[in-house]
Amino acid sequence: MLRLGLGCAIVVASTAATFAQDGEAIFRQQCASCHLLEEGRHRVGPSLHGIVGAPAGAVEGFRYSPALRASGLTWDPETLSAFLMDPRGTIPGNRMSYRGMDDQDDIDAVITYILERSN
């Protein structure tokens, strides 16, 4: 029984590591041209360091659209997921010029990567 439990733990850990690697690749392809994960370092978009659990439009030193500042959202995994799927539909009037991701697994991988790298 212990062997089975350990084997399952290894598979889960291995899958999580692969998921994070996938998230890193997706982040680099689709997010990194506008966002960094280093605290206080902005590009066209704000730093995503510590974004999970933070209120939308509140990163110090970045000028947000009025729509994003007024959204009243908190960036939890569910809200991030909806936003990454459909940025303009989730927060109409925001300035992010990104069409969104189609694949929920890709979205989950990116959120996992952001959590691992920035919180």
PDB file of N, CA and C in Angstrom:
ATOM      1  N   MET A   1       0.817  -1.188   0.000  1.00  0.00           N
ATOM      2  CA  MET A   1       0.000   0.000   0.000  1.00  0.00           C
ATOM      3  C   MET A   1       0.865   1.258   0.000  1.00  0.00           C
ATOM      4  N   LEU A   2       1.916   1.273   0.778  1.00  0.00           N
ATOM      5  CA  LEU A   2       2.815   2.422   0.826  1.00  0.00           C
ATOM      6  C   LEU A   2       3.432   2.671  -0.544  1.00  0.00           C
ATOM      7  N   ARG A   3       3.801   1.592  -1.225  1.00  0.00           N
ATOM      8  CA  ARG A   3       4.385   1.735  -2.550  1.00  0.00           C
ATOM      9  C   ARG A   3       3.427   2.421  -3.516  1.00  0.00           C
ATOM     10  N   LEU A   4       2.180   2.014  -3.492  1.00  0.00           N
ATOM     11  CA  LEU A   4       1.175   2.608  -4.363  1.00  0.00           C
ATOM     12  C   LEU A   4       1.027   4.098  -4.045  1.00  0.00           C
ATOM     13  N   GLY A   5       0.965   4.447  -2.775  1.00  0.00           N
ATOM     14  CA  GLY A   5       0.846   5.847  -2.368  1.00  0.00           C
ATOM     15  C   GLY A   5       2.045   6.653  -2.815  1.00  0.00           C
ATOM     16  N   LEU A   6       3.241   6.117  -2.632  1.00  0.00           N
ATOM     17  CA  LEU A   6       4.455   6.807  -3.048  1.00  0.00           C
ATOM     18  C   LEU A   6       4.491   6.951  -4.553  1.00  0.00           C
ATOM     19  N   GLY A   7       4.079   5.903  -5.252  1.00  0.00           N
ATOM     20  CA  GLY A   7       4.036   5.964  -6.724  1.00  0.00           C
ATOM     21  C   GLY A   7       3.077   7.038  -7.199  1.00  0.00           C
ATOM     22  N   CYS A   8       1.916   7.113  -6.558  1.00  0.00           N
ATOM     23  CA  CYS A   8       0.948   8.146  -6.921  1.00  0.00           C
ATOM     24  C   CYS A   8       1.509   9.534  -6.637  1.00  0.00           C
ATOM     25  N   ALA A   9       2.186   9.702  -5.515  1.00  0.00           N
ATOM     26  CA  ALA A   9       2.784  10.989  -5.174  1.00  0.00           C
ATOM     27  C   ALA A   9       3.835  11.392  -6.197  1.00  0.00           C
ATOM     28  N   ILE A  10       4.630  10.425  -6.657  1.00  0.00           N
ATOM     29  CA  ILE A  10       5.647  10.717  -7.660  1.00  0.00           C
ATOM     30  C   ILE A  10       5.001  11.122  -8.977  1.00  0.00           C
ATOM     31  N   VAL A  11       3.947  10.427  -9.369  1.00  0.00           N
ATOM     32  CA  VAL A  11       3.240  10.771 -10.609  1.00  0.00           C
ATOM     33  C   VAL A  11       2.645  12.171 -10.505  1.00  0.00           C
ATOM     34  N   VAL A  12       2.011  12.496  -9.377  1.00  0.00           N
ATOM     35  CA  VAL A  12       1.423  13.816  -9.189  1.00  0.00           C
ATOM     36  C   VAL A  12       2.511  14.888  -9.215  1.00  0.00           C
ATOM     37  N   ALA A  13       3.616  14.666  -8.519  1.00  0.00           N
ATOM     38  CA  ALA A  13       4.714  15.629  -8.517  1.00  0.00           C
ATOM     39  C   ALA A  13       5.292  15.796  -9.912  1.00  0.00           C
ATOM     40  N   SER A  14       5.448  14.704 -10.632  1.00  0.00           N
ATOM     41  CA  SER A  14       5.966  14.750 -11.992  1.00  0.00           C
ATOM     42  C   SER A  14       5.021  15.498 -12.914  1.00  0.00           C
ATOM     43  N   THR A  15       3.724  15.242 -12.767  1.00  0.00           N
ATOM     44  CA  THR A  15       2.722  15.929 -13.586  1.00  0.00           C
ATOM     45  C   THR A  15       2.716  17.418 -13.272  1.00  0.00           C
ATOM     46  N   ALA A  16       2.813  17.787 -12.001  1.00  0.00           N
ATOM     47  CA  ALA A  16       2.844  19.199 -11.614  1.00  0.00           C
ATOM     48  C   ALA A  16       4.061  19.896 -12.198  1.00  0.00           C
ATOM     49  N   ALA A  17       5.202  19.230 -12.172  1.00  0.00           N
ATOM     50  CA  ALA A  17       6.420  19.813 -12.740  1.00  0.00           C
ATOM     51  C   ALA A  17       6.268  20.019 -14.247  1.00  0.00           C
ATOM     52  N   THR A  18       5.697  19.050 -14.934  1.00  0.00           N
ATOM     53  CA  THR A  18       5.466  19.180 -16.376  1.00  0.00           C
ATOM     54  C   THR A  18       4.481  20.301 -16.643  1.00  0.00           C
ATOM     55  N   PHE A  19       3.435  20.383 -15.839  1.00  0.00           N
ATOM     56  CA  PHE A  19       2.426  21.433 -15.975  1.00  0.00           C
ATOM     57  C   PHE A  19       3.067  22.803 -15.828  1.00  0.00           C
ATOM     58  N   ALA A  20       3.959  22.970 -14.843  1.00  0.00           N
ATOM     59  CA  ALA A  20       4.655  24.236 -14.633  1.00  0.00           C
ATOM     60  C   ALA A  20       5.560  24.560 -15.817  1.00  0.00           C
ATOM     61  N   GLN A  21       6.236  23.557 -16.361  1.00  0.00           N
ATOM     62  CA  GLN A  21       7.080  23.786 -17.537  1.00  0.00           C
ATOM     63  C   GLN A  21       6.232  24.230 -18.709  1.00  0.00           C
ATOM     64  N   ASP A  22       5.079  23.594 -18.893  1.00  0.00           N
ATOM     65  CA  ASP A  22       4.162  24.010 -19.953  1.00  0.00           C
ATOM     66  C   ASP A  22       3.714  25.446 -19.715  1.00  0.00           C
ATOM     67  N   GLY A  23       3.403  25.780 -18.475  1.00  0.00           N
ATOM     68  CA  GLY A  23       2.989  27.137 -18.130  1.00  0.00           C
ATOM     69  C   GLY A  23       4.065  28.151 -18.434  1.00  0.00           C
ATOM     70  N   GLU A  24       5.314  27.792 -18.173  1.00  0.00           N
ATOM     71  CA  GLU A  24       6.415  28.697 -18.476  1.00  0.00           C
ATOM     72  C   GLU A  24       6.513  28.939 -19.978  1.00  0.00           C
ATOM     73  N   ALA A  25       6.402  27.885 -20.771  1.00  0.00           N
ATOM     74  CA  ALA A  25       6.479  28.022 -22.235  1.00  0.00           C
ATOM     75  C   ALA A  25       5.324  28.871 -22.755  1.00  0.00           C
ATOM     76  N   ILE A  26       4.140  28.640 -22.256  1.00  0.00           N
ATOM     77  CA  ILE A  26       2.979  29.415 -22.687  1.00  0.00           C
ATOM     78  C   ILE A  26       3.122  30.865 -22.254  1.00  0.00           C
ATOM     79  N   PHE A  27       3.579  31.087 -21.014  1.00  0.00           N
ATOM     80  CA  PHE A  27       3.795  32.452 -20.530  1.00  0.00           C
ATOM     81  C   PHE A  27       4.786  33.173 -21.437  1.00  0.00           C
ATOM     82  N   ARG A  28       5.876  32.528 -21.760  1.00  0.00           N
ATOM     83  CA  ARG A  28       6.881  33.155 -22.627  1.00  0.00           C
ATOM     84  C   ARG A  28       6.320  33.480 -24.007  1.00  0.00           C
ATOM     85  N   GLN A  29       5.501  32.581 -24.549  1.00  0.00           N
ATOM     86  CA  GLN A  29       4.932  32.782 -25.888  1.00  0.00           C
ATOM     87  C   GLN A  29       3.833  33.832 -25.908  1.00  0.00           C
ATOM     88  N   GLN A  30       3.001  33.859 -24.880  1.00  0.00           N
ATOM     89  CA  GLN A  30       1.793  34.675 -24.957  1.00  0.00           C
ATOM     90  C   GLN A  30       1.721  35.840 -23.978  1.00  0.00           C
ATOM     91  N   CYS A  31       2.572  35.867 -22.977  1.00  0.00           N
ATOM     92  CA  CYS A  31       2.442  36.895 -21.942  1.00  0.00           C
ATOM     93  C   CYS A  31       3.695  37.769 -21.784  1.00  0.00           C
ATOM     94  N   ALA A  32       4.871  37.167 -21.951  1.00  0.00           N
ATOM     95  CA  ALA A  32       6.123  37.820 -21.589  1.00  0.00           C
ATOM     96  C   ALA A  32       6.470  39.040 -22.439  1.00  0.00           C
ATOM     97  N   SER A  33       5.879  39.181 -23.605  1.00  0.00           N
ATOM     98  CA  SER A  33       6.179  40.381 -24.389  1.00  0.00           C
ATOM     99  C   SER A  33       5.599  41.621 -23.715  1.00  0.00           C
ATOM    100  N   CYS A  34       4.587  41.446 -22.868  1.00  0.00           N
ATOM    101  CA  CYS A  34       3.962  42.586 -22.186  1.00  0.00           C
ATOM    102  C   CYS A  34       4.110  42.565 -20.664  1.00  0.00           C
ATOM    103  N   HIS A  35       4.328  41.391 -20.069  1.00  0.00           N
ATOM    104  CA  HIS A  35       4.355  41.265 -18.609  1.00  0.00           C
ATOM    105  C   HIS A  35       5.627  40.578 -18.121  1.00  0.00           C
ATOM    106  N   LEU A  36       6.079  41.004 -16.955  1.00  0.00           N
ATOM    107  CA  LEU A  36       7.175  40.343 -16.244  1.00  0.00           C
ATOM    108  C   LEU A  36       6.645  39.795 -14.925  1.00  0.00           C
ATOM    109  N   LEU A  37       7.394  38.892 -14.332  1.00  0.00           N
ATOM    110  CA  LEU A  37       7.028  38.351 -13.021  1.00  0.00           C
ATOM    111  C   LEU A  37       7.892  38.927 -11.905  1.00  0.00           C
ATOM    112  N   GLU A  38       8.764  39.852 -12.241  1.00  0.00           N
ATOM    113  CA  GLU A  38       9.600  40.494 -11.237  1.00  0.00           C
ATOM    114  C   GLU A  38       8.832  41.654 -10.610  1.00  0.00           C
ATOM    115  N   GLU A  39       8.893  41.744  -9.308  1.00  0.00           N
ATOM    116  CA  GLU A  39       8.171  42.777  -8.581  1.00  0.00           C
ATOM    117  C   GLU A  39       8.602  44.172  -9.024  1.00  0.00           C
ATOM    118  N   GLY A  40       7.632  45.016  -9.335  1.00  0.00           N
ATOM    119  CA  GLY A  40       7.898  46.408  -9.668  1.00  0.00           C
ATOM    120  C   GLY A  40       8.435  46.663 -11.069  1.00  0.00           C
ATOM    121  N   ARG A  41       8.617  45.628 -11.864  1.00  0.00           N
ATOM    122  CA  ARG A  41       9.129  45.800 -13.234  1.00  0.00           C
ATOM    123  C   ARG A  41       7.987  45.639 -14.215  1.00  0.00           C
ATOM    124  N   HIS A  42       7.655  46.730 -14.882  1.00  0.00           N
ATOM    125  CA  HIS A  42       6.546  46.740 -15.813  1.00  0.00           C
ATOM    126  C   HIS A  42       7.054  46.795 -17.248  1.00  0.00           C
ATOM    127  N   ARG A  43       6.247  46.327 -18.138  1.00  0.00           N
ATOM    128  CA  ARG A  43       6.450  46.494 -19.576  1.00  0.00           C
ATOM    129  C   ARG A  43       5.225  47.253 -20.068  1.00  0.00           C
ATOM    130  N   VAL A  44       4.702  46.867 -21.196  1.00  0.00           N
ATOM    131  CA  VAL A  44       3.462  47.457 -21.684  1.00  0.00           C
ATOM    132  C   VAL A  44       2.344  47.166 -20.679  1.00  0.00           C
ATOM    133  N   GLY A  45       2.398  45.983 -20.079  1.00  0.00           N
ATOM    134  CA  GLY A  45       1.463  45.604 -19.028  1.00  0.00           C
ATOM    135  C   GLY A  45       2.173  45.609 -17.681  1.00  0.00           C
ATOM    136  N   PRO A  46       1.411  45.536 -16.609  1.00  0.00           N
ATOM    137  CA  PRO A  46       2.012  45.571 -15.270  1.00  0.00           C
ATOM    138  C   PRO A  46       2.742  44.286 -14.916  1.00  0.00           C
ATOM    139  N   SER A  47       3.622  44.394 -13.933  1.00  0.00           N
ATOM    140  CA  SER A  47       4.246  43.213 -13.351  1.00  0.00           C
ATOM    141  C   SER A  47       3.146  42.302 -12.813  1.00  0.00           C
ATOM    142  N   LEU A  48       3.328  41.003 -12.998  1.00  0.00           N
ATOM    143  CA  LEU A  48       2.357  40.045 -12.479  1.00  0.00           C
ATOM    144  C   LEU A  48       2.837  39.401 -11.182  1.00  0.00           C
ATOM    145  N   HIS A  49       3.907  39.940 -10.620  1.00  0.00           N
ATOM    146  CA  HIS A  49       4.418  39.427  -9.353  1.00  0.00           C
ATOM    147  C   HIS A  49       3.353  39.602  -8.264  1.00  0.00           C
ATOM    148  N   GLY A  50       2.996  38.525  -7.605  1.00  0.00           N
ATOM    149  CA  GLY A  50       2.043  38.588  -6.503  1.00  0.00           C
ATOM    150  C   GLY A  50       0.620  38.914  -6.924  1.00  0.00           C
ATOM    151  N   ILE A  51       0.291  38.734  -8.191  1.00  0.00           N
ATOM    152  CA  ILE A  51      -1.023  39.126  -8.704  1.00  0.00           C
ATOM    153  C   ILE A  51      -2.156  38.283  -8.111  1.00  0.00           C
ATOM    154  N   VAL A  52      -1.903  37.003  -7.844  1.00  0.00           N
ATOM    155  CA  VAL A  52      -2.969  36.142  -7.325  1.00  0.00           C
ATOM    156  C   VAL A  52      -3.303  36.573  -5.895  1.00  0.00           C
ATOM    157  N   GLY A  53      -4.548  36.931  -5.701  1.00  0.00           N
ATOM    158  CA  GLY A  53      -5.026  37.426  -4.416  1.00  0.00           C
ATOM    159  C   GLY A  53      -5.067  38.939  -4.322  1.00  0.00           C
ATOM    160  N   ALA A  54      -4.517  39.630  -5.326  1.00  0.00           N
ATOM    161  CA  ALA A  54      -4.474  41.089  -5.323  1.00  0.00           C
ATOM    162  C   ALA A  54      -5.701  41.674  -6.020  1.00  0.00           C
ATOM    163  N   PRO A  55      -6.090  42.877  -5.624  1.00  0.00           N
ATOM    164  CA  PRO A  55      -7.190  43.525  -6.333  1.00  0.00           C
ATOM    165  C   PRO A  55      -6.749  43.943  -7.737  1.00  0.00           C
ATOM    166  N   ALA A  56      -7.667  43.862  -8.684  1.00  0.00           N
ATOM    167  CA  ALA A  56      -7.371  44.260 -10.064  1.00  0.00           C
ATOM    168  C   ALA A  56      -7.084  45.761 -10.119  1.00  0.00           C
ATOM    169  N   GLY A  57      -6.096  46.117 -10.920  1.00  0.00           N
ATOM    170  CA  GLY A  57      -5.783  47.528 -11.133  1.00  0.00           C
ATOM    171  C   GLY A  57      -5.064  48.199  -9.986  1.00  0.00           C
ATOM    172  N   ALA A  58      -4.346  47.435  -9.179  1.00  0.00           N
ATOM    173  CA  ALA A  58      -3.750  48.016  -7.973  1.00  0.00           C
ATOM    174  C   ALA A  58      -2.232  47.887  -7.878  1.00  0.00           C
ATOM    175  N   VAL A  59      -1.554  47.386  -8.911  1.00  0.00           N
ATOM    176  CA  VAL A  59      -0.100  47.257  -8.837  1.00  0.00           C
ATOM    177  C   VAL A  59       0.514  48.655  -8.859  1.00  0.00           C
ATOM    178  N   GLU A  60       1.319  48.940  -7.875  1.00  0.00           N
ATOM    179  CA  GLU A  60       1.977  50.232  -7.715  1.00  0.00           C
ATOM    180  C   GLU A  60       2.825  50.577  -8.939  1.00  0.00           C
ATOM    181  N   GLY A  61       2.684  51.805  -9.411  1.00  0.00           N
ATOM    182  CA  GLY A  61       3.545  52.289 -10.482  1.00  0.00           C
ATOM    183  C   GLY A  61       3.065  51.967 -11.886  1.00  0.00           C
ATOM    184  N   PHE A  62       1.855  51.438 -12.031  1.00  0.00           N
ATOM    185  CA  PHE A  62       1.335  51.158 -13.371  1.00  0.00           C
ATOM    186  C   PHE A  62       0.037  51.921 -13.577  1.00  0.00           C
ATOM    187  N   ARG A  63      -0.120  52.484 -14.775  1.00  0.00           N
ATOM    188  CA  ARG A  63      -1.319  53.248 -15.114  1.00  0.00           C
ATOM    189  C   ARG A  63      -2.339  52.333 -15.803  1.00  0.00           C
ATOM    190  N   TYR A  64      -3.390  52.008 -15.101  1.00  0.00           N
ATOM    191  CA  TYR A  64      -4.428  51.101 -15.590  1.00  0.00           C
ATOM    192  C   TYR A  64      -5.543  51.867 -16.288  1.00  0.00           C
ATOM    193  N   SER A  65      -6.293  51.139 -17.087  1.00  0.00           N
ATOM    194  CA  SER A  65      -7.495  51.714 -17.694  1.00  0.00           C
ATOM    195  C   SER A  65      -8.519  51.966 -16.589  1.00  0.00           C
ATOM    196  N   PRO A  66      -9.371  52.962 -16.776  1.00  0.00           N
ATOM    197  CA  PRO A  66     -10.443  53.188 -15.793  1.00  0.00           C
ATOM    198  C   PRO A  66     -11.314  51.945 -15.593  1.00  0.00           C
ATOM    199  N   ALA A  67     -11.558  51.194 -16.659  1.00  0.00           N
ATOM    200  CA  ALA A  67     -12.400  49.996 -16.556  1.00  0.00           C
ATOM    201  C   ALA A  67     -11.777  48.963 -15.626  1.00  0.00           C
ATOM    202  N   LEU A  68     -10.487  48.763 -15.730  1.00  0.00           N
ATOM    203  CA  LEU A  68      -9.819  47.774 -14.874  1.00  0.00           C
ATOM    204  C   LEU A  68      -9.788  48.250 -13.430  1.00  0.00           C
ATOM    205  N   ARG A  69      -9.463  49.531 -13.215  1.00  0.00           N
ATOM    206  CA  ARG A  69      -9.437  50.065 -11.851  1.00  0.00           C
ATOM    207  C   ARG A  69     -10.803  49.986 -11.186  1.00  0.00           C
ATOM    208  N   ALA A  70     -11.863  50.191 -11.968  1.00  0.00           N
ATOM    209  CA  ALA A  70     -13.225  50.214 -11.418  1.00  0.00           C
ATOM    210  C   ALA A  70     -13.883  48.832 -11.384  1.00  0.00           C
ATOM    211  N   SER A  71     -13.182  47.796 -11.824  1.00  0.00           N
ATOM    212  CA  SER A  71     -13.801  46.470 -11.943  1.00  0.00           C
ATOM    213  C   SER A  71     -14.217  45.873 -10.602  1.00  0.00           C
ATOM    214  N   GLY A  72     -13.517  46.201  -9.546  1.00  0.00           N
ATOM    215  CA  GLY A  72     -13.821  45.632  -8.235  1.00  0.00           C
ATOM    216  C   GLY A  72     -13.435  44.171  -8.090  1.00  0.00           C
ATOM    217  N   LEU A  73     -12.686  43.649  -9.071  1.00  0.00           N
ATOM    218  CA  LEU A  73     -12.297  42.238  -9.049  1.00  0.00           C
ATOM    219  C   LEU A  73     -11.058  42.012  -8.197  1.00  0.00           C
ATOM    220  N   THR A  74     -10.939  40.793  -7.721  1.00  0.00           N
ATOM    221  CA  THR A  74      -9.715  40.317  -7.085  1.00  0.00           C
ATOM    222  C   THR A  74      -9.197  39.188  -7.956  1.00  0.00           C
ATOM    223  N   TRP A  75      -7.892  39.182  -8.214  1.00  0.00           N
ATOM    224  CA  TRP A  75      -7.300  38.179  -9.103  1.00  0.00           C
ATOM    225  C   TRP A  75      -7.115  36.847  -8.386  1.00  0.00           C
ATOM    226  N   ASP A  76      -8.185  36.106  -8.251  1.00  0.00           N
ATOM    227  CA  ASP A  76      -8.082  34.728  -7.772  1.00  0.00           C
ATOM    228  C   ASP A  76      -7.995  33.830  -9.009  1.00  0.00           C
ATOM    229  N   PRO A  77      -7.704  32.549  -8.853  1.00  0.00           N
ATOM    230  CA  PRO A  77      -7.558  31.685 -10.031  1.00  0.00           C
ATOM    231  C   PRO A  77      -8.788  31.678 -10.950  1.00  0.00           C
ATOM    232  N   GLU A  78      -9.977  31.738 -10.385  1.00  0.00           N
ATOM    233  CA  GLU A  78     -11.190  31.724 -11.210  1.00  0.00           C
ATOM    234  C   GLU A  78     -11.307  33.002 -12.042  1.00  0.00           C
ATOM    235  N   THR A  79     -11.045  34.145 -11.422  1.00  0.00           N
ATOM    236  CA  THR A  79     -11.124  35.419 -12.130  1.00  0.00           C
ATOM    237  C   THR A  79     -10.035  35.511 -13.185  1.00  0.00           C
ATOM    238  N   LEU A  80      -8.824  35.092 -12.832  1.00  0.00           N
ATOM    239  CA  LEU A  80      -7.736  35.073 -13.816  1.00  0.00           C
ATOM    240  C   LEU A  80      -8.085  34.169 -14.991  1.00  0.00           C
ATOM    241  N   SER A  81      -8.669  33.032 -14.702  1.00  0.00           N
ATOM    242  CA  SER A  81      -9.052  32.090 -15.749  1.00  0.00           C
ATOM    243  C   SER A  81     -10.046  32.729 -16.717  1.00  0.00           C
ATOM    244  N   ALA A  82     -11.073  33.356 -16.174  1.00  0.00           N
ATOM    245  CA  ALA A  82     -12.077  34.020 -17.021  1.00  0.00           C
ATOM    246  C   ALA A  82     -11.436  35.138 -17.834  1.00  0.00           C
ATOM    247  N   PHE A  83     -10.565  35.914 -17.201  1.00  0.00           N
ATOM    248  CA  PHE A  83      -9.910  37.037 -17.882  1.00  0.00           C
ATOM    249  C   PHE A  83      -8.985  36.544 -18.988  1.00  0.00           C
ATOM    250  N   LEU A  84      -8.221  35.498 -18.721  1.00  0.00           N
ATOM    251  CA  LEU A  84      -7.316  34.976 -19.751  1.00  0.00           C
ATOM    252  C   LEU A  84      -8.085  34.342 -20.910  1.00  0.00           C
ATOM    253  N   MET A  85      -9.258  33.823 -20.645  1.00  0.00           N
ATOM    254  CA  MET A  85     -10.093  33.253 -21.702  1.00  0.00           C
ATOM    255  C   MET A  85     -10.695  34.367 -22.565  1.00  0.00           C
ATOM    256  N   ASP A  86     -11.144  35.458 -21.926  1.00  0.00           N
ATOM    257  CA  ASP A  86     -11.835  36.531 -22.647  1.00  0.00           C
ATOM    258  C   ASP A  86     -11.628  37.864 -21.925  1.00  0.00           C
ATOM    259  N   PRO A  87     -10.467  38.492 -22.137  1.00  0.00           N
ATOM    260  CA  PRO A  87     -10.167  39.739 -21.416  1.00  0.00           C
ATOM    261  C   PRO A  87     -11.212  40.839 -21.609  1.00  0.00           C
ATOM    262  N   ARG A  88     -11.627  41.044 -22.825  1.00  0.00           N
ATOM    263  CA  ARG A  88     -12.576  42.135 -23.105  1.00  0.00           C
ATOM    264  C   ARG A  88     -13.990  41.807 -22.630  1.00  0.00           C
ATOM    265  N   GLY A  89     -14.350  40.556 -22.641  1.00  0.00           N
ATOM    266  CA  GLY A  89     -15.655  40.156 -22.141  1.00  0.00           C
ATOM    267  C   GLY A  89     -15.724  40.173 -20.623  1.00  0.00           C
ATOM    268  N   THR A  90     -14.609  39.866 -19.972  1.00  0.00           N
ATOM    269  CA  THR A  90     -14.565  39.838 -18.507  1.00  0.00           C
ATOM    270  C   THR A  90     -14.544  41.247 -17.933  1.00  0.00           C
ATOM    271  N   ILE A  91     -13.748  42.132 -18.540  1.00  0.00           N
ATOM    272  CA  ILE A  91     -13.693  43.529 -18.105  1.00  0.00           C
ATOM    273  C   ILE A  91     -13.819  44.403 -19.363  1.00  0.00           C
ATOM    274  N   PRO A  92     -15.049  44.678 -19.785  1.00  0.00           N
ATOM    275  CA  PRO A  92     -15.247  45.523 -20.964  1.00  0.00           C
ATOM    276  C   PRO A  92     -14.581  46.881 -20.783  1.00  0.00           C
ATOM    277  N   GLY A  93     -13.905  47.339 -21.822  1.00  0.00           N
ATOM    278  CA  GLY A  93     -13.255  48.642 -21.776  1.00  0.00           C
ATOM    279  C   GLY A  93     -11.821  48.613 -21.285  1.00  0.00           C
ATOM    280  N   ASN A  94     -11.296  47.434 -20.915  1.00  0.00           N
ATOM    281  CA  ASN A  94      -9.892  47.393 -20.496  1.00  0.00           C
ATOM    282  C   ASN A  94      -9.003  47.548 -21.733  1.00  0.00           C
ATOM    283  N   ARG A  95      -7.764  47.956 -21.525  1.00  0.00           N
ATOM    284  CA  ARG A  95      -6.868  48.246 -22.646  1.00  0.00           C
ATOM    285  C   ARG A  95      -5.990  47.083 -23.076  1.00  0.00           C
ATOM    286  N   MET A  96      -6.111  45.944 -22.438  1.00  0.00           N
ATOM    287  CA  MET A  96      -5.253  44.828 -22.806  1.00  0.00           C
ATOM    288  C   MET A  96      -5.611  44.360 -24.214  1.00  0.00           C
ATOM    289  N   SER A  97      -4.636  44.403 -25.104  1.00  0.00           N
ATOM    290  CA  SER A  97      -4.896  44.044 -26.507  1.00  0.00           C
ATOM    291  C   SER A  97      -4.531  42.588 -26.762  1.00  0.00           C
ATOM    292  N   TYR A  98      -5.147  41.728 -26.023  1.00  0.00           N
ATOM    293  CA  TYR A  98      -4.902  40.295 -26.115  1.00  0.00           C
ATOM    294  C   TYR A  98      -6.239  39.617 -26.351  1.00  0.00           C
ATOM    295  N   ARG A  99      -6.304  38.749 -27.345  1.00  0.00           N
ATOM    296  CA  ARG A  99      -7.582  38.132 -27.718  1.00  0.00           C
ATOM    297  C   ARG A  99      -8.051  37.081 -26.729  1.00  0.00           C
ATOM    298  N   GLY A 100      -7.138  36.497 -25.958  1.00  0.00           N
ATOM    299  CA  GLY A 100      -7.489  35.471 -24.986  1.00  0.00           C
ATOM    300  C   GLY A 100      -7.009  34.097 -25.412  1.00  0.00           C
ATOM    301  N   MET A 101      -7.024  33.176 -24.476  1.00  0.00           N
ATOM    302  CA  MET A 101      -6.611  31.791 -24.721  1.00  0.00           C
ATOM    303  C   MET A 101      -7.847  30.934 -24.917  1.00  0.00           C
ATOM    304  N   ASP A 102      -7.720  29.938 -25.782  1.00  0.00           N
ATOM    305  CA  ASP A 102      -8.841  29.045 -26.062  1.00  0.00           C
ATOM    306  C   ASP A 102      -8.835  27.785 -25.197  1.00  0.00           C
ATOM    307  N   ASP A 103      -7.677  27.397 -24.701  1.00  0.00           N
ATOM    308  CA  ASP A 103      -7.524  26.095 -24.048  1.00  0.00           C
ATOM    309  C   ASP A 103      -7.440  26.251 -22.527  1.00  0.00           C
ATOM    310  N   GLN A 104      -8.394  25.659 -21.818  1.00  0.00           N
ATOM    311  CA  GLN A 104      -8.417  25.771 -20.358  1.00  0.00           C
ATOM    312  C   GLN A 104      -7.173  25.168 -19.716  1.00  0.00           C
ATOM    313  N   ASP A 105      -6.629  24.094 -20.280  1.00  0.00           N
ATOM    314  CA  ASP A 105      -5.399  23.514 -19.734  1.00  0.00           C
ATOM    315  C   ASP A 105      -4.241  24.503 -19.829  1.00  0.00           C
ATOM    316  N   ASP A 106      -4.153  25.260 -20.932  1.00  0.00           N
ATOM    317  CA  ASP A 106      -3.116  26.276 -21.075  1.00  0.00           C
ATOM    318  C   ASP A 106      -3.297  27.381 -20.037  1.00  0.00           C
ATOM    319  N   ILE A 107      -4.522  27.790 -19.847  1.00  0.00           N
ATOM    320  CA  ILE A 107      -4.818  28.824 -18.846  1.00  0.00           C
ATOM    321  C   ILE A 107      -4.412  28.342 -17.457  1.00  0.00           C
ATOM    322  N   ASP A 108      -4.802  27.119 -17.111  1.00  0.00           N
ATOM    323  CA  ASP A 108      -4.457  26.561 -15.798  1.00  0.00           C
ATOM    324  C   ASP A 108      -2.946  26.460 -15.623  1.00  0.00           C
ATOM    325  N   ALA A 109      -2.246  26.075 -16.692  1.00  0.00           N
ATOM    326  CA  ALA A 109      -0.786  25.962 -16.623  1.00  0.00           C
ATOM    327  C   ALA A 109      -0.142  27.318 -16.403  1.00  0.00           C
ATOM    328  N   VAL A 110      -0.627  28.351 -17.076  1.00  0.00           N
ATOM    329  CA  VAL A 110      -0.067  29.697 -16.906  1.00  0.00           C
ATOM    330  C   VAL A 110      -0.323  30.205 -15.495  1.00  0.00           C
ATOM    331  N   ILE A 111      -1.523  30.005 -14.982  1.00  0.00           N
ATOM    332  CA  ILE A 111      -1.832  30.450 -13.624  1.00  0.00           C
ATOM    333  C   ILE A 111      -0.948  29.721 -12.614  1.00  0.00           C
ATOM    334  N   THR A 112      -0.753  28.421 -12.797  1.00  0.00           N
ATOM    335  CA  THR A 112       0.136  27.655 -11.920  1.00  0.00           C
ATOM    336  C   THR A 112       1.553  28.209 -11.983  1.00  0.00           C
ATOM    337  N   TYR A 113       2.030  28.494 -13.171  1.00  0.00           N
ATOM    338  CA  TYR A 113       3.376  29.051 -13.336  1.00  0.00           C
ATOM    339  C   TYR A 113       3.491  30.417 -12.640  1.00  0.00           C
ATOM    340  N   ILE A 114       2.509  31.279 -12.834  1.00  0.00           N
ATOM    341  CA  ILE A 114       2.534  32.589 -12.177  1.00  0.00           C
ATOM    342  C   ILE A 114       2.561  32.437 -10.664  1.00  0.00           C
ATOM    343  N   LEU A 115       1.740  31.528 -10.138  1.00  0.00           N
ATOM    344  CA  LEU A 115       1.728  31.281  -8.689  1.00  0.00           C
ATOM    345  C   LEU A 115       3.085  30.812  -8.197  1.00  0.00           C
ATOM    346  N   GLU A 116       3.677  29.869  -8.909  1.00  0.00           N
ATOM    347  CA  GLU A 116       4.967  29.312  -8.485  1.00  0.00           C
ATOM    348  C   GLU A 116       6.092  30.338  -8.573  1.00  0.00           C
ATOM    349  N   ARG A 117       6.047  31.215  -9.524  1.00  0.00           N
ATOM    350  CA  ARG A 117       7.133  32.166  -9.758  1.00  0.00           C
ATOM    351  C   ARG A 117       7.010  33.474  -9.007  1.00  0.00           C
ATOM    352  N   SER A 118       5.803  33.834  -8.585  1.00  0.00           N
ATOM    353  CA  SER A 118       5.664  35.202  -8.103  1.00  0.00           C
ATOM    354  C   SER A 118       5.016  35.368  -6.755  1.00  0.00           C
ATOM    355  N   ASN A 119       4.656  34.315  -6.089  1.00  0.00           N
ATOM    356  CA  ASN A 119       4.015  34.486  -4.774  1.00  0.00           C
ATOM    357  C   ASN A 119       4.873  33.922  -3.681  1.00  0.00           C
TER     358      ASN A 119
END
